[in-house]
Every structure is written in C-alpha cells, then in structure tokens.
C-alpha cells in the first residue's frame, strides 16, 4: 500500500480522537465519501487502523451503522517514527479491537462532543479549538491527570475525558483562551453513593471543586481558570446532575451541563445549563 498525504491525516485524526466513525472522518477530511471509505478499508486491512470488535453486535440491529476506527499498530509506528508524534497512552494502540462495548460507547460520546465543538468553531470563525496534544500544559503525564485531597483524608484521582481550549479575541482585540475539562456521562454511573471509595458522579464534582479551591489547575497545569462540561444522555439526567452540583459548598460556577441532543445546536449559544436550575450559558459567556 502506498500511503497518501490524506492517509496520514486520517491516521492522525483517529489517534487524536481515540475513535472516529467513518462518517466523522469524512466530515473532518472532506472530499469524496467513496474515496475516503475506500482508503479507510485499505488502512484497516494493512494494519494502520483497527475496528473494535465490541461494535460488531450493533450491526445486527435494524438500521444503518457507521464503522468506528481506532489506531492500529502500524499507525502508531508511522506516527512515532515518521511524523514524530508521541502516542499516549501506549496501551491505546494495538489493543483497541479488544475493548468492551460500554467503553467504546463512552469513547464515541466523547468524540461526538469534540466533533460538535470543532464544527461549531468552523462555523463561527474566529474561534480556534486547541486539542490537549497541542496544549503546552505543565503536566508530568499524558493523558492529563492529578490527585486531590478532600474532606481532609480522602484522596481522589482526576482524569478528564478530554482537556481542550478555545482561543478567541476579546472586545479589545486581545487573544484569550478558555480551558475546559470534558466529562461524558452515559447515565450508567450512580450520581451519589454512600462512600467516596465508590465511583459516582458526585465524586467527580467534589474532585473538580477541590481542584479549583486548592489551585491545582494553576500549580500543575498552568491554567488560570477552567470550566467542566458534563454532557449526558437525557434532560432528566441533566436535572439530576444539576441537583447534585447545587449541594457543593463552593465552585458551582465551574460546571456546565447538557444532554447530547444539544450537540446539533450552536454550542456558543445559551444551550448549557448552569448549576442554577433554569439558568443557561454559552461556552464563552
């Protein structure tokens, strides 16, 4: 197989997003859908891309389905040796075909959100999406993660689903960056549990609250301020998350909530629910 420049672009996009469906790749790359689908097939059969096995059960259901692609072992080698791109974490590549169905559904929700943000930036113009692999943040590890202490004894780990920034010009023409931590919630995790040793969305809220109050975002990442975007599956789930957020002692303004139906809307309009019931915001408000 003779690699084309567009093939390298596709491999880079899949690595950046972790997983991309074929229709999303067509949208990002542009050009002939038929030709891109043909190249995707070649890239898969030559080991540059993977097709996670966990998605196969969905193709036996009624309706059309798009194939999701992950990075293959030859794709990782290409990025490292020929393009000089470091792949994080190492376990992502070469094993994507073995991941579970719930994991890939979560990963694809993350991709759906990031795709919606990128397309919103393209539509508006003047707003640039900066992915985490482009951000010069003060972090020892990739993906970005840190630990916080809450309630004087409990230590929690924080690993956002994505970190990204939006670069734009303010009213004075000065370049500004707004930083976001993304949490994709499929509604499978309990909102609150008896102890913090058990996973829950409330534990995530407490961890981000502690990140802000302890200035960890400034000390570890060099970020002046941030907001947390929580995208979930339904309006009812949004309401429950907002209720949980309202019980925090501080840091309520950090959080924005939405169900995935807003991803087809203008994300810079006031479609994001704040921690106050009935109050909405845009991404750059």
C-alpha atoms as a PDB file:
ATOM      1  CA  UNK A   1       0.000   0.000   0.000  1.00  0.00           C
ATOM      2  CA  UNK A   2       1.315   3.426  -0.975  1.00  0.00           C
ATOM      3  CA  UNK A   3       0.404   5.897   1.767  1.00  0.00           C
ATOM      4  CA  UNK A   4      -1.031   9.221   0.627  1.00  0.00           C
ATOM      5  CA  UNK A   5      -0.951  12.515   2.471  1.00  0.00           C
ATOM      6  CA  UNK A   6      -4.656  12.122   3.235  1.00  0.00           C
ATOM      7  CA  UNK A   7      -3.979   8.700   4.778  1.00  0.00           C
ATOM      8  CA  UNK A   8      -1.561  10.288   7.235  1.00  0.00           C
ATOM      9  CA  UNK A   9      -4.182  12.930   8.027  1.00  0.00           C
ATOM     10  CA  UNK A  10      -6.752  10.225   8.740  1.00  0.00           C
ATOM     11  CA  UNK A  11      -4.369   8.282  11.000  1.00  0.00           C
ATOM     12  CA  UNK A  12      -3.514  11.481  12.879  1.00  0.00           C
ATOM     13  CA  UNK A  13      -7.199  12.310  13.373  1.00  0.00           C
ATOM     14  CA  UNK A  14      -8.004   8.823  14.667  1.00  0.00           C
ATOM     15  CA  UNK A  15      -5.083   8.996  17.098  1.00  0.00           C
ATOM     16  CA  UNK A  16      -6.182  12.392  18.371  1.00  0.00           C
ATOM     17  CA  UNK A  17      -9.784  11.353  18.974  1.00  0.00           C
ATOM     18  CA  UNK A  18      -9.044   7.761  20.073  1.00  0.00           C
ATOM     19  CA  UNK A  19     -12.028   6.536  17.997  1.00  0.00           C
ATOM     20  CA  UNK A  20     -13.766   8.022  14.966  1.00  0.00           C
ATOM     21  CA  UNK A  21     -16.683   6.721  12.950  1.00  0.00           C
ATOM     22  CA  UNK A  22     -16.347   6.668   9.190  1.00  0.00           C
ATOM     23  CA  UNK A  23     -18.928   9.465   8.746  1.00  0.00           C
ATOM     24  CA  UNK A  24     -16.987  11.661  11.176  1.00  0.00           C
ATOM     25  CA  UNK A  25     -13.764  11.070   9.272  1.00  0.00           C
ATOM     26  CA  UNK A  26     -15.483  12.078   6.036  1.00  0.00           C
ATOM     27  CA  UNK A  27     -16.728  15.284   7.706  1.00  0.00           C
ATOM     28  CA  UNK A  28     -13.306  16.208   9.088  1.00  0.00           C
ATOM     29  CA  UNK A  29     -11.266  15.353   5.999  1.00  0.00           C
ATOM     30  CA  UNK A  30     -13.690  16.477   3.309  1.00  0.00           C
ATOM     31  CA  UNK A  31     -13.700  15.350  -0.292  1.00  0.00           C
ATOM     32  CA  UNK A  32     -15.258  12.279  -1.864  1.00  0.00           C
ATOM     33  CA  UNK A  33     -17.031   9.997   0.593  1.00  0.00           C
ATOM     34  CA  UNK A  34     -16.461   6.964  -1.617  1.00  0.00           C
ATOM     35  CA  UNK A  35     -12.729   7.563  -1.890  1.00  0.00           C
ATOM     36  CA  UNK A  36     -12.307   8.099   1.861  1.00  0.00           C
ATOM     37  CA  UNK A  37     -14.265   4.931   2.661  1.00  0.00           C
ATOM     38  CA  UNK A  38     -12.031   3.055   0.230  1.00  0.00           C
ATOM     39  CA  UNK A  39      -8.905   4.408   1.930  1.00  0.00           C
ATOM     40  CA  UNK A  40     -10.287   3.502   5.358  1.00  0.00           C
ATOM     41  CA  UNK A  41     -10.758  -0.084   4.199  1.00  0.00           C
ATOM     42  CA  UNK A  42      -7.164  -0.206   2.945  1.00  0.00           C
ATOM     43  CA  UNK A  43      -5.790   1.369   6.120  1.00  0.00           C
ATOM     44  CA  UNK A  44      -7.633  -1.232   8.167  1.00  0.00           C
ATOM     45  CA  UNK A  45      -6.518  -4.238   6.123  1.00  0.00           C
ATOM     46  CA  UNK A  46      -2.882  -3.049   6.202  1.00  0.00           C
ATOM     47  CA  UNK A  47      -2.851  -2.609   9.986  1.00  0.00           C
ATOM     48  CA  UNK A  48      -2.800   1.191  10.223  1.00  0.00           C
ATOM     49  CA  UNK A  49      -6.293   1.316  11.757  1.00  0.00           C
ATOM     50  CA  UNK A  50      -8.339  -1.056  13.939  1.00  0.00           C
ATOM     51  CA  UNK A  51     -12.034  -1.836  14.043  1.00  0.00           C
ATOM     52  CA  UNK A  52     -13.017  -2.571  17.671  1.00  0.00           C
ATOM     53  CA  UNK A  53     -14.795  -5.917  17.874  1.00  0.00           C
ATOM     54  CA  UNK A  54     -17.174  -4.656  20.559  1.00  0.00           C
ATOM     55  CA  UNK A  55     -19.102  -2.632  17.981  1.00  0.00           C
ATOM     56  CA  UNK A  56     -19.989  -5.664  15.861  1.00  0.00           C
ATOM     57  CA  UNK A  57     -23.132  -6.588  17.815  1.00  0.00           C
ATOM     58  CA  UNK A  58     -24.735  -3.268  16.831  1.00  0.00           C
ATOM     59  CA  UNK A  59     -24.529  -4.149  13.131  1.00  0.00           C
ATOM     60  CA  UNK A  60     -27.015  -6.947  13.576  1.00  0.00           C
ATOM     61  CA  UNK A  61     -29.685  -4.494  14.706  1.00  0.00           C
ATOM     62  CA  UNK A  62     -32.046  -2.795  12.229  1.00  0.00           C
ATOM     63  CA  UNK A  63     -30.852   0.435  10.648  1.00  0.00           C
ATOM     64  CA  UNK A  64     -27.606   1.655   9.175  1.00  0.00           C
ATOM     65  CA  UNK A  65     -24.394   1.779  11.222  1.00  0.00           C
ATOM     66  CA  UNK A  66     -21.087   3.507  10.695  1.00  0.00           C
ATOM     67  CA  UNK A  67     -17.856   1.662  11.447  1.00  0.00           C
ATOM     68  CA  UNK A  68     -15.700   3.081  14.241  1.00  0.00           C
ATOM     69  CA  UNK A  69     -11.928   3.065  13.791  1.00  0.00           C
ATOM     70  CA  UNK A  70      -9.083   3.109  16.307  1.00  0.00           C
ATOM     71  CA  UNK A  71      -5.340   3.312  15.839  1.00  0.00           C
ATOM     72  CA  UNK A  72      -3.580   0.159  14.642  1.00  0.00           C
ATOM     73  CA  UNK A  73      -0.021  -0.909  15.434  1.00  0.00           C
ATOM     74  CA  UNK A  74       1.348   0.240  12.070  1.00  0.00           C
ATOM     75  CA  UNK A  75      -0.460   3.541  12.518  1.00  0.00           C
ATOM     76  CA  UNK A  76       1.274   4.043  15.859  1.00  0.00           C
ATOM     77  CA  UNK A  77       4.640   3.233  14.296  1.00  0.00           C
ATOM     78  CA  UNK A  78       4.010   5.709  11.489  1.00  0.00           C
ATOM     79  CA  UNK A  79       3.141   8.479  13.932  1.00  0.00           C
ATOM     80  CA  UNK A  80       6.169   7.821  16.126  1.00  0.00           C
ATOM     81  CA  UNK A  81       8.890   7.167  13.584  1.00  0.00           C
ATOM     82  CA  UNK A  82       7.907   9.203  10.539  1.00  0.00           C
ATOM     83  CA  UNK A  83       5.818  12.048  11.944  1.00  0.00           C
ATOM     84  CA  UNK A  84       7.486  12.375  15.354  1.00  0.00           C
ATOM     85  CA  UNK A  85       4.182  12.220  17.244  1.00  0.00           C
ATOM     86  CA  UNK A  86       4.108  10.603  20.672  1.00  0.00           C
ATOM     87  CA  UNK A  87       1.106   8.350  21.248  1.00  0.00           C
ATOM     88  CA  UNK A  88      -0.491   8.412  24.728  1.00  0.00           C
ATOM     89  CA  UNK A  89      -1.105   6.096  26.406  1.00  0.00           C
ATOM     90  CA  UNK A  90       0.791   3.211  24.833  1.00  0.00           C
ATOM     91  CA  UNK A  91      -1.975   0.749  25.677  1.00  0.00           C
ATOM     92  CA  UNK A  92      -4.396   2.591  23.400  1.00  0.00           C
ATOM     93  CA  UNK A  93      -2.905   1.330  20.175  1.00  0.00           C
ATOM     94  CA  UNK A  94      -2.783  -2.247  19.017  1.00  0.00           C
ATOM     95  CA  UNK A  95      -5.430  -3.347  21.533  1.00  0.00           C
ATOM     96  CA  UNK A  96      -8.439  -1.296  20.500  1.00  0.00           C
ATOM     97  CA  UNK A  97     -10.045  -4.332  18.879  1.00  0.00           C
ATOM     98  CA  UNK A  98     -10.351  -5.983  22.303  1.00  0.00           C
ATOM     99  CA  UNK A  99     -12.047  -3.207  24.294  1.00  0.00           C
ATOM    100  CA  UNK A 100     -15.557  -3.624  25.687  1.00  0.00           C
ATOM    101  CA  UNK A 101     -18.800  -2.301  24.238  1.00  0.00           C
ATOM    102  CA  UNK A 102     -19.514   0.058  27.151  1.00  0.00           C
ATOM    103  CA  UNK A 103     -16.061   1.566  26.866  1.00  0.00           C
ATOM    104  CA  UNK A 104     -16.315   2.247  23.165  1.00  0.00           C
ATOM    105  CA  UNK A 105     -19.790   3.765  23.570  1.00  0.00           C
ATOM    106  CA  UNK A 106     -18.370   6.130  26.160  1.00  0.00           C
ATOM    107  CA  UNK A 107     -15.379   6.933  23.946  1.00  0.00           C
ATOM    108  CA  UNK A 108     -17.650   7.655  20.981  1.00  0.00           C
ATOM    109  CA  UNK A 109     -19.753  10.035  23.097  1.00  0.00           C
ATOM    110  CA  UNK A 110     -16.536  11.904  23.885  1.00  0.00           C
ATOM    111  CA  UNK A 111     -15.781  12.019  20.166  1.00  0.00           C
ATOM    112  CA  UNK A 112     -19.303  13.261  19.394  1.00  0.00           C
ATOM    113  CA  UNK A 113     -18.804  16.186  21.778  1.00  0.00           C
ATOM    114  CA  UNK A 114     -15.393  17.119  20.413  1.00  0.00           C
ATOM    115  CA  UNK A 115     -16.670  16.874  16.840  1.00  0.00           C
ATOM    116  CA  UNK A 116     -19.567  19.189  17.708  1.00  0.00           C
ATOM    117  CA  UNK A 117     -17.175  21.727  19.255  1.00  0.00           C
ATOM    118  CA  UNK A 118     -14.855  21.605  16.237  1.00  0.00           C
ATOM    119  CA  UNK A 119     -17.698  22.046  13.753  1.00  0.00           C
ATOM    120  CA  UNK A 120     -19.103  24.932  15.834  1.00  0.00           C
ATOM    121  CA  UNK A 121     -15.698  26.630  15.702  1.00  0.00           C
ATOM    122  CA  UNK A 122     -15.519  26.144  11.923  1.00  0.00           C
ATOM    123  CA  UNK A 123     -18.976  27.641  11.533  1.00  0.00           C
ATOM    124  CA  UNK A 124     -18.297  30.697  13.658  1.00  0.00           C
ATOM    125  CA  UNK A 125     -14.793  31.536  12.525  1.00  0.00           C
ATOM    126  CA  UNK A 126     -12.535  33.497  14.838  1.00  0.00           C
ATOM    127  CA  UNK A 127     -12.673  30.738  17.443  1.00  0.00           C
ATOM    128  CA  UNK A 128      -9.971  28.067  17.328  1.00  0.00           C
ATOM    129  CA  UNK A 129     -10.251  24.701  19.014  1.00  0.00           C
ATOM    130  CA  UNK A 130      -6.968  23.584  20.588  1.00  0.00           C
ATOM    131  CA  UNK A 131      -6.765  19.896  21.455  1.00  0.00           C
ATOM    132  CA  UNK A 132      -4.889  18.650  24.509  1.00  0.00           C
ATOM    133  CA  UNK A 133      -1.976  17.330  22.448  1.00  0.00           C
ATOM    134  CA  UNK A 134      -1.421  20.913  21.244  1.00  0.00           C
ATOM    135  CA  UNK A 135      -1.630  22.494  24.676  1.00  0.00           C
ATOM    136  CA  UNK A 136       1.657  23.328  26.365  1.00  0.00           C
ATOM    137  CA  UNK A 137       0.432  22.494  29.850  1.00  0.00           C
ATOM    138  CA  UNK A 138       2.563  21.797  32.891  1.00  0.00           C
ATOM    139  CA  UNK A 139       1.863  18.119  33.299  1.00  0.00           C
ATOM    140  CA  UNK A 140       4.174  15.228  34.027  1.00  0.00           C
ATOM    141  CA  UNK A 141       1.936  12.654  32.376  1.00  0.00           C
ATOM    142  CA  UNK A 142      -0.392  12.153  29.460  1.00  0.00           C
ATOM    143  CA  UNK A 143      -3.301  11.919  29.472  1.00  0.00           C
ATOM    144  CA  UNK A 144      -3.523  14.741  31.999  1.00  0.00           C
ATOM    145  CA  UNK A 145      -4.285  13.501  35.482  1.00  0.00           C
ATOM    146  CA  UNK A 146      -3.786  14.634  39.038  1.00  0.00           C
ATOM    147  CA  UNK A 147      -4.825  13.833  42.599  1.00  0.00           C
ATOM    148  CA  UNK A 148      -6.743  15.935  45.114  1.00  0.00           C
ATOM    149  CA  UNK A 149      -7.434  15.580  48.813  1.00  0.00           C
ATOM    150  CA  UNK A 150     -10.971  16.153  50.038  1.00  0.00           C
ATOM    151  CA  UNK A 151     -12.558  16.026  53.488  1.00  0.00           C
ATOM    152  CA  UNK A 152      -9.032  16.168  54.976  1.00  0.00           C
ATOM    153  CA  UNK A 153      -8.331  12.493  54.351  1.00  0.00           C
ATOM    154  CA  UNK A 154      -9.752  11.097  51.124  1.00  0.00           C
ATOM    155  CA  UNK A 155      -7.517  11.324  48.050  1.00  0.00           C
ATOM    156  CA  UNK A 156      -9.201  11.169  44.649  1.00  0.00           C
ATOM    157  CA  UNK A 157      -7.696  10.862  41.197  1.00  0.00           C
ATOM    158  CA  UNK A 158      -8.907  13.160  38.426  1.00  0.00           C
ATOM    159  CA  UNK A 159      -8.673  12.191  34.759  1.00  0.00           C
ATOM    160  CA  UNK A 160     -10.890  14.313  32.470  1.00  0.00           C
ATOM    161  CA  UNK A 161     -12.224  12.609  29.367  1.00  0.00           C
ATOM    162  CA  UNK A 162     -10.695  15.496  27.427  1.00  0.00           C
ATOM    163  CA  UNK A 163      -8.936  18.783  28.060  1.00  0.00           C
ATOM    164  CA  UNK A 164      -9.218  21.429  25.377  1.00  0.00           C
ATOM    165  CA  UNK A 165      -9.108  25.184  24.916  1.00  0.00           C
ATOM    166  CA  UNK A 166     -10.954  27.709  22.795  1.00  0.00           C
ATOM    167  CA  UNK A 167      -8.838  30.601  21.531  1.00  0.00           C
ATOM    168  CA  UNK A 168     -10.599  33.833  20.554  1.00  0.00           C
ATOM    169  CA  UNK A 169     -10.240  37.608  20.585  1.00  0.00           C
ATOM    170  CA  UNK A 170     -11.991  39.672  23.240  1.00  0.00           C
ATOM    171  CA  UNK A 171     -13.671  43.029  22.732  1.00  0.00           C
ATOM    172  CA  UNK A 172     -10.293  44.774  22.891  1.00  0.00           C
ATOM    173  CA  UNK A 173      -8.796  42.510  20.250  1.00  0.00           C
ATOM    174  CA  UNK A 174      -6.663  40.656  22.790  1.00  0.00           C
ATOM    175  CA  UNK A 175      -6.176  36.915  22.314  1.00  0.00           C
ATOM    176  CA  UNK A 176      -7.808  34.865  25.078  1.00  0.00           C
ATOM    177  CA  UNK A 177      -8.048  31.179  25.905  1.00  0.00           C
ATOM    178  CA  UNK A 178     -10.873  29.428  27.715  1.00  0.00           C
ATOM    179  CA  UNK A 179      -9.963  25.992  29.102  1.00  0.00           C
ATOM    180  CA  UNK A 180     -12.414  23.121  29.504  1.00  0.00           C
ATOM    181  CA  UNK A 181     -12.411  19.692  31.124  1.00  0.00           C
ATOM    182  CA  UNK A 182     -14.904  17.352  29.487  1.00  0.00           C
ATOM    183  CA  UNK A 183     -16.872  14.653  31.292  1.00  0.00           C
ATOM    184  CA  UNK A 184     -19.009  12.406  29.076  1.00  0.00           C
ATOM    185  CA  UNK A 185     -21.713  10.738  31.157  1.00  0.00           C
ATOM    186  CA  UNK A 186     -23.761   7.883  29.697  1.00  0.00           C
ATOM    187  CA  UNK A 187     -26.006   7.682  32.735  1.00  0.00           C
ATOM    188  CA  UNK A 188     -24.602   4.337  33.887  1.00  0.00           C
ATOM    189  CA  UNK A 189     -22.757   5.699  36.930  1.00  0.00           C
ATOM    190  CA  UNK A 190     -24.715   6.397  40.152  1.00  0.00           C
ATOM    191  CA  UNK A 191     -24.936  10.091  40.925  1.00  0.00           C
ATOM    192  CA  UNK A 192     -24.290   9.606  44.633  1.00  0.00           C
ATOM    193  CA  UNK A 193     -23.200   6.663  46.780  1.00  0.00           C
ATOM    194  CA  UNK A 194     -22.679   6.019  50.477  1.00  0.00           C
ATOM    195  CA  UNK A 195     -18.898   6.413  50.461  1.00  0.00           C
ATOM    196  CA  UNK A 196     -16.353   8.217  48.314  1.00  0.00           C
ATOM    197  CA  UNK A 197     -14.458   4.970  47.831  1.00  0.00           C
ATOM    198  CA  UNK A 198     -17.192   4.017  45.346  1.00  0.00           C
ATOM    199  CA  UNK A 199     -17.404   5.632  41.930  1.00  0.00           C
ATOM    200  CA  UNK A 200     -20.133   8.220  41.460  1.00  0.00           C
ATOM    201  CA  UNK A 201     -20.674  11.436  39.549  1.00  0.00           C
ATOM    202  CA  UNK A 202     -20.816  13.330  42.830  1.00  0.00           C
ATOM    203  CA  UNK A 203     -17.252  12.170  43.473  1.00  0.00           C
ATOM    204  CA  UNK A 204     -16.231  13.772  40.173  1.00  0.00           C
ATOM    205  CA  UNK A 205     -17.937  17.021  41.195  1.00  0.00           C
ATOM    206  CA  UNK A 206     -16.108  17.033  44.536  1.00  0.00           C
ATOM    207  CA  UNK A 207     -12.777  16.329  42.836  1.00  0.00           C
ATOM    208  CA  UNK A 208     -13.151  19.246  40.426  1.00  0.00           C
ATOM    209  CA  UNK A 209     -14.320  21.505  43.249  1.00  0.00           C
ATOM    210  CA  UNK A 210     -11.173  20.567  45.194  1.00  0.00           C
ATOM    211  CA  UNK A 211      -9.018  21.115  42.093  1.00  0.00           C
ATOM    212  CA  UNK A 212     -10.307  24.685  41.947  1.00  0.00           C
ATOM    213  CA  UNK A 213     -10.211  25.513  45.675  1.00  0.00           C
ATOM    214  CA  UNK A 214      -6.683  24.096  46.068  1.00  0.00           C
ATOM    215  CA  UNK A 215      -5.409  25.859  42.928  1.00  0.00           C
ATOM    216  CA  UNK A 216      -4.176  22.592  41.466  1.00  0.00           C
ATOM    217  CA  UNK A 217      -5.108  23.743  37.954  1.00  0.00           C
ATOM    218  CA  UNK A 218      -2.634  26.610  38.299  1.00  0.00           C
ATOM    219  CA  UNK A 219       0.136  24.681  40.055  1.00  0.00           C
ATOM    220  CA  UNK A 220       0.016  21.503  37.935  1.00  0.00           C
ATOM    221  CA  UNK A 221      -1.268  22.677  34.561  1.00  0.00           C
ATOM    222  CA  UNK A 222      -0.566  26.402  34.494  1.00  0.00           C
ATOM    223  CA  UNK A 223      -4.239  27.184  33.788  1.00  0.00           C
ATOM    224  CA  UNK A 224      -5.661  30.377  35.294  1.00  0.00           C
ATOM    225  CA  UNK A 225      -9.265  29.183  35.235  1.00  0.00           C
ATOM    226  CA  UNK A 226     -11.339  26.360  33.771  1.00  0.00           C
ATOM    227  CA  UNK A 227     -14.876  25.071  33.373  1.00  0.00           C
ATOM    228  CA  UNK A 228     -16.152  21.500  33.396  1.00  0.00           C
ATOM    229  CA  UNK A 229     -18.500  20.425  30.596  1.00  0.00           C
ATOM    230  CA  UNK A 230     -20.722  17.486  31.551  1.00  0.00           C
ATOM    231  CA  UNK A 231     -22.545  16.019  28.551  1.00  0.00           C
ATOM    232  CA  UNK A 232     -25.037  13.280  29.339  1.00  0.00           C
ATOM    233  CA  UNK A 233     -27.835  11.256  27.765  1.00  0.00           C
ATOM    234  CA  UNK A 234     -31.115  12.977  28.686  1.00  0.00           C
ATOM    235  CA  UNK A 235     -32.696  16.130  30.082  1.00  0.00           C
ATOM    236  CA  UNK A 236     -33.775  14.162  33.169  1.00  0.00           C
ATOM    237  CA  UNK A 237     -30.174  13.153  33.829  1.00  0.00           C
ATOM    238  CA  UNK A 238     -29.078  16.795  33.420  1.00  0.00           C
ATOM    239  CA  UNK A 239     -31.587  17.794  36.090  1.00  0.00           C
ATOM    240  CA  UNK A 240     -30.206  15.180  38.487  1.00  0.00           C
ATOM    241  CA  UNK A 241     -26.617  16.297  37.876  1.00  0.00           C
ATOM    242  CA  UNK A 242     -27.550  19.934  38.469  1.00  0.00           C
ATOM    243  CA  UNK A 243     -29.211  18.977  41.746  1.00  0.00           C
ATOM    244  CA  UNK A 244     -26.045  17.180  42.854  1.00  0.00           C
ATOM    245  CA  UNK A 245     -23.922  20.170  41.846  1.00  0.00           C
ATOM    246  CA  UNK A 246     -26.127  22.560  43.841  1.00  0.00           C
ATOM    247  CA  UNK A 247     -25.144  20.682  47.023  1.00  0.00           C
ATOM    248  CA  UNK A 248     -21.461  21.564  46.676  1.00  0.00           C
ATOM    249  CA  UNK A 249     -20.135  24.060  49.208  1.00  0.00           C
ATOM    250  CA  UNK A 250     -18.421  26.163  46.549  1.00  0.00           C
ATOM    251  CA  UNK A 251     -17.319  26.133  42.928  1.00  0.00           C
ATOM    252  CA  UNK A 252     -20.820  25.977  41.445  1.00  0.00           C
ATOM    253  CA  UNK A 253     -19.830  28.280  38.582  1.00  0.00           C
ATOM    254  CA  UNK A 254     -17.282  25.761  37.318  1.00  0.00           C
ATOM    255  CA  UNK A 255     -19.863  23.441  35.801  1.00  0.00           C
ATOM    256  CA  UNK A 256     -21.948  23.453  32.627  1.00  0.00           C
ATOM    257  CA  UNK A 257     -24.379  20.641  31.799  1.00  0.00           C
ATOM    258  CA  UNK A 258     -26.166  19.496  28.637  1.00  0.00           C
ATOM    259  CA  UNK A 259     -27.712  16.389  27.175  1.00  0.00           C
ATOM    260  CA  UNK A 260     -26.332  15.128  23.893  1.00  0.00           C
ATOM    261  CA  UNK A 261     -29.271  16.486  21.888  1.00  0.00           C
ATOM    262  CA  UNK A 262     -27.654  19.957  22.030  1.00  0.00           C
ATOM    263  CA  UNK A 263     -24.664  18.748  20.018  1.00  0.00           C
ATOM    264  CA  UNK A 264     -26.532  19.555  16.825  1.00  0.00           C
ATOM    265  CA  UNK A 265     -27.139  23.115  18.098  1.00  0.00           C
ATOM    266  CA  UNK A 266     -24.901  26.167  18.165  1.00  0.00           C
ATOM    267  CA  UNK A 267     -22.747  25.360  21.197  1.00  0.00           C
ATOM    268  CA  UNK A 268     -21.778  29.012  21.565  1.00  0.00           C
ATOM    269  CA  UNK A 269     -25.398  29.960  22.176  1.00  0.00           C
ATOM    270  CA  UNK A 270     -27.001  29.583  25.591  1.00  0.00           C
ATOM    271  CA  UNK A 271     -27.680  25.837  25.447  1.00  0.00           C
ATOM    272  CA  UNK A 272     -25.618  24.881  28.516  1.00  0.00           C
ATOM    273  CA  UNK A 273     -27.361  24.504  31.861  1.00  0.00           C
ATOM    274  CA  UNK A 274     -25.513  26.094  34.780  1.00  0.00           C
ATOM    275  CA  UNK A 275     -25.694  24.876  38.366  1.00  0.00           C
ATOM    276  CA  UNK A 276     -28.736  27.114  38.878  1.00  0.00           C
ATOM    277  CA  UNK A 277     -31.959  25.460  37.624  1.00  0.00           C
ATOM    278  CA  UNK A 278     -33.311  27.288  34.582  1.00  0.00           C
ATOM    279  CA  UNK A 279     -30.143  29.353  34.009  1.00  0.00           C
ATOM    280  CA  UNK A 280     -28.250  28.758  30.774  1.00  0.00           C
ATOM    281  CA  UNK A 281     -24.931  29.869  29.334  1.00  0.00           C
ATOM    282  CA  UNK A 282     -22.816  29.764  26.198  1.00  0.00           C
ATOM    283  CA  UNK A 283     -19.340  28.292  26.147  1.00  0.00           C
ATOM    284  CA  UNK A 284     -17.639  31.693  26.141  1.00  0.00           C
ATOM    285  CA  UNK A 285     -20.055  33.591  28.386  1.00  0.00           C
END
